[in-house]
Structure formats: C-alpha cells, structure tokens
Amino acid sequence: MQVLLTKDVRKLGHVGDVVDVKAGFARNYLYPQRLAIEPSEANLKGIEEAKKSAALERAKRNQEFAKLAEKLKDFQLTIEAAANAEGTLYGSVGPAKVADSLRAHGFEVLGAHVMLDPPIRTLDTRQVTLEFTDEISTQIKVWVVREGEAQRDQSGESESESAES
C-alpha cells in the first residue's frame, strides 16, 4: 500500500515522500497519528509547501544535532545505581536514565536518541550510541558505579580513609 507522508517518520521517509507500507501499519499507526494520507493528485499538490518548510526545519535541526554530537564526542557520563555485593544492579540503567543524566549535564538528549540494547544491569562501563538522525550519531562512555562512590572518588577520599574517620 502506498501512502503520502505528511510528517517525517524516522527510518521510513520525509514529508512529501510516497512510500510503500503494509496496510495494517498505515491503517493502525500512520493514519491515526496523522503522519500519512492517501497519495491522490490533490494531496500531492497540497503537500508541496509543507515539503519545503519541512526541508528547512530538517536542515536547521540537523545543524543543531551535529553541534550536539560534536560536543558529546568522547564524553564520559557517570551514573550512580544501587547494586548488591556482586555488582548486579537492583534495577537497570536504560535509555531514559542515560538521557536524564545527560540533560542534568546540560545536553538536550531524549530517551529515543539513546540506543541501548539491552539495558545495563551490572556495575560496568559501556559505550552507548546516541543516534539523533539516520545520519548523525555519536558514542559516549557510560560508567555505572555504586551509589555513593562517585562523591567519594571526587572528594579524593578512599574507602579506608572514610572508615577511619
């Protein structure tokens, strides 16, 4: 089934593109979300203005994402999490937690940008890919440490020094 996209749909196409999709995907997702319409002659002519403005907006957004990706290149993020003695987390660190931590450091990143599969479930260091668009992505290093260790490391005290105090 062919549909005319009225908005950019990641990994499918941009505004004004006529794409082939399965009927159920169009009927259950694209049409209700107003992401696509029937590709009639009138609709094709009517979408031209939206296509031009979307291209300008996409170019502006790509510039912003390219700057953000350059800032985040080789960035290291430390996330504190509760863990047992073996280093297994009581929960997990997923895309939303990574995005929240990045926003706390002043980077405008959404959970949808964080490609993390499977979630981090141990005290570990992992390379995490941030994918802003199909063309723009970067990697950061995420350190997952036990709660309380990040402050101790930053203050310069070792565990034995704080126990003696």
Protein backbone atom coordinates (compact mmCIF):
# COMPACT_ATOMS: atom_id res chain seq x y z
CA MET A 1 0.00 0.00 0.00
CA GLN A 2 1.32 3.43 -0.88
CA VAL A 3 0.93 6.44 1.42
CA LEU A 4 1.98 10.08 1.24
CA LEU A 5 3.89 11.18 4.36
CA THR A 6 2.69 14.43 5.94
CA LYS A 7 5.46 14.42 8.57
CA ASP A 8 8.96 13.00 8.81
CA VAL A 9 8.87 9.39 10.04
CA ARG A 10 12.19 8.03 11.18
CA LYS A 11 13.51 5.13 9.10
CA LEU A 12 10.59 5.48 6.71
CA GLY A 13 10.80 8.83 4.90
CA HIS A 14 10.36 12.58 4.89
CA VAL A 15 7.41 14.91 4.26
CA GLY A 16 6.10 14.52 0.71
CA ASP A 17 7.58 11.08 0.12
CA VAL A 18 5.33 8.38 -1.27
CA VAL A 19 6.33 5.13 0.42
CA ASP A 20 5.17 1.53 0.37
CA VAL A 21 4.00 0.21 3.74
CA LYS A 22 1.85 -2.66 4.91
CA ALA A 23 -1.86 -1.89 5.09
CA GLY A 24 -2.05 -2.56 8.82
CA PHE A 25 0.81 -0.16 9.58
CA ALA A 26 -0.89 2.58 7.59
CA ARG A 27 -4.35 1.90 9.00
CA ASN A 28 -3.32 1.42 12.64
CA TYR A 29 -0.43 3.85 13.03
CA LEU A 30 0.23 6.30 10.20
CA TYR A 31 -3.35 7.42 9.54
CA PRO A 32 -4.48 7.79 13.19
CA GLN A 33 -1.29 9.72 14.07
CA ARG A 34 -1.85 11.94 11.01
CA LEU A 35 1.59 11.01 9.69
CA ALA A 36 0.31 9.98 6.24
CA ILE A 37 -2.56 10.47 3.81
CA GLU A 38 -3.72 8.88 0.56
CA PRO A 39 -1.39 9.83 -2.34
CA SER A 40 -4.01 11.48 -4.60
CA GLU A 41 -3.21 14.24 -7.11
CA ALA A 42 -4.82 16.92 -4.89
CA ASN A 43 -2.89 15.75 -1.83
CA LEU A 44 0.40 15.68 -3.78
CA LYS A 45 -0.12 19.29 -4.90
CA GLY A 46 -1.23 20.42 -1.44
CA ILE A 47 1.81 19.00 0.34
CA GLU A 48 4.42 20.96 -1.69
CA GLU A 49 4.51 23.94 0.72
CA ALA A 50 4.77 21.66 3.75
CA LYS A 51 7.57 19.78 2.00
CA LYS A 52 9.64 22.99 1.56
CA SER A 53 9.17 24.16 5.15
CA ALA A 54 9.95 20.68 6.49
CA ALA A 55 13.19 20.59 4.49
CA LEU A 56 14.27 23.92 6.04
CA GLU A 57 13.33 22.73 9.53
CA ARG A 58 15.17 19.44 8.98
CA ALA A 59 18.32 21.27 7.86
CA LYS A 60 18.20 23.52 10.95
CA ARG A 61 17.63 20.54 13.26
CA ASN A 62 20.48 18.61 11.61
CA GLN A 63 22.86 21.52 12.26
CA GLU A 64 21.87 21.56 15.94
CA PHE A 65 22.27 17.79 16.22
CA ALA A 66 25.67 17.94 14.51
CA LYS A 67 26.86 20.53 17.05
CA LEU A 68 25.49 18.45 19.92
CA ALA A 69 27.12 15.29 18.57
CA GLU A 70 30.46 17.10 18.33
CA LYS A 71 30.16 18.30 21.95
CA LEU A 72 29.29 14.80 23.14
CA LYS A 73 32.09 13.12 21.23
CA ASP A 74 34.30 11.30 23.78
CA PHE A 75 32.06 12.47 26.66
CA GLN A 76 32.10 10.27 29.76
CA LEU A 77 28.99 10.01 31.91
CA THR A 78 28.86 8.57 35.43
CA ILE A 79 25.57 7.18 36.69
CA GLU A 80 25.09 6.02 40.27
CA ALA A 81 22.91 3.00 40.92
CA ALA A 82 22.12 0.70 43.83
CA ALA A 83 23.84 -2.66 43.49
CA ASN A 84 24.46 -5.80 45.54
CA ALA A 85 27.90 -7.04 46.62
CA GLU A 86 28.45 -8.91 43.33
CA GLY A 87 27.86 -5.74 41.30
CA THR A 88 24.40 -6.60 39.97
CA LEU A 89 22.06 -3.62 39.93
CA TYR A 90 18.78 -3.78 41.81
CA GLY A 91 17.16 -2.24 38.75
CA SER A 92 18.68 -1.33 35.43
CA VAL A 93 20.04 1.69 33.63
CA GLY A 94 18.02 2.25 30.47
CA PRO A 95 17.80 4.90 27.77
CA ALA A 96 15.61 7.22 29.87
CA LYS A 97 18.09 7.25 32.77
CA VAL A 98 21.01 7.96 30.43
CA ALA A 99 19.05 10.79 28.77
CA ASP A 100 18.07 12.26 32.17
CA SER A 101 21.71 12.23 33.27
CA LEU A 102 22.80 13.92 30.05
CA ARG A 103 20.11 16.60 30.48
CA ALA A 104 21.41 17.18 34.03
CA HIS A 105 24.81 17.93 32.42
CA GLY A 106 23.18 20.45 30.04
CA PHE A 107 22.78 18.34 26.89
CA GLU A 108 19.35 18.24 25.24
CA VAL A 109 19.04 14.50 24.62
CA LEU A 110 15.83 12.46 24.54
CA GLY A 111 15.46 8.85 25.57
CA ALA A 112 14.64 7.99 21.95
CA HIS A 113 18.14 9.14 20.93
CA VAL A 114 19.85 6.63 23.25
CA MET A 115 20.45 3.26 21.56
CA LEU A 116 20.93 0.90 24.49
CA ASP A 117 20.03 -2.74 23.99
CA PRO A 118 19.98 -4.50 26.41
CA PRO A 119 19.82 -2.15 29.42
CA ILE A 120 22.82 -2.03 31.76
CA ARG A 121 22.23 -4.38 34.70
CA THR A 122 25.70 -4.50 36.30
CA LEU A 123 28.31 -2.08 37.59
CA ASP A 124 30.09 -1.62 34.32
CA THR A 125 31.48 0.68 31.67
CA ARG A 126 29.73 0.65 28.33
CA GLN A 127 29.95 2.51 25.03
CA VAL A 128 26.49 3.90 24.30
CA THR A 129 25.43 5.18 20.89
CA LEU A 130 23.38 8.37 20.66
CA GLU A 131 21.54 8.41 17.34
CA PHE A 132 19.98 11.81 16.62
CA THR A 133 19.04 11.18 12.98
CA ASP A 134 19.76 8.44 10.50
CA GLU A 135 22.96 10.29 9.51
CA ILE A 136 24.08 11.89 12.80
CA SER A 137 25.22 9.77 15.72
CA THR A 138 27.98 9.68 18.31
CA GLN A 139 29.19 7.45 21.13
CA ILE A 140 29.72 8.24 24.79
CA LYS A 141 31.21 6.18 27.58
CA VAL A 142 28.79 5.45 30.44
CA TRP A 143 30.21 4.44 33.83
CA VAL A 144 27.73 2.79 36.16
CA VAL A 145 29.04 2.97 39.73
CA ARG A 146 27.68 2.01 43.14
CA GLU A 147 25.71 4.74 44.92
CA GLY A 148 27.98 6.95 46.98
CA GLU A 149 31.22 6.01 45.16
CA ALA A 150 31.09 8.95 42.75
CA GLN A 151 31.18 11.54 45.57
CA ARG A 152 33.95 9.64 47.36
CA ASP A 153 36.03 9.50 44.19
CA GLN A 154 35.52 13.20 43.53
CA SER A 155 36.40 14.24 47.09
CA GLY A 156 39.68 12.33 46.92
CA GLU A 157 38.96 10.10 49.90
CA SER A 158 39.39 6.38 49.67
CA GLU A 159 37.03 3.95 51.33
CA SER A 160 39.53 3.12 54.07
CA GLU A 161 40.12 6.80 54.93
CA SER A 162 36.41 7.47 55.36
CA ALA A 163 36.04 4.35 57.55
CA GLU A 164 38.81 5.55 59.89
CA SER A 165 37.16 8.98 60.36
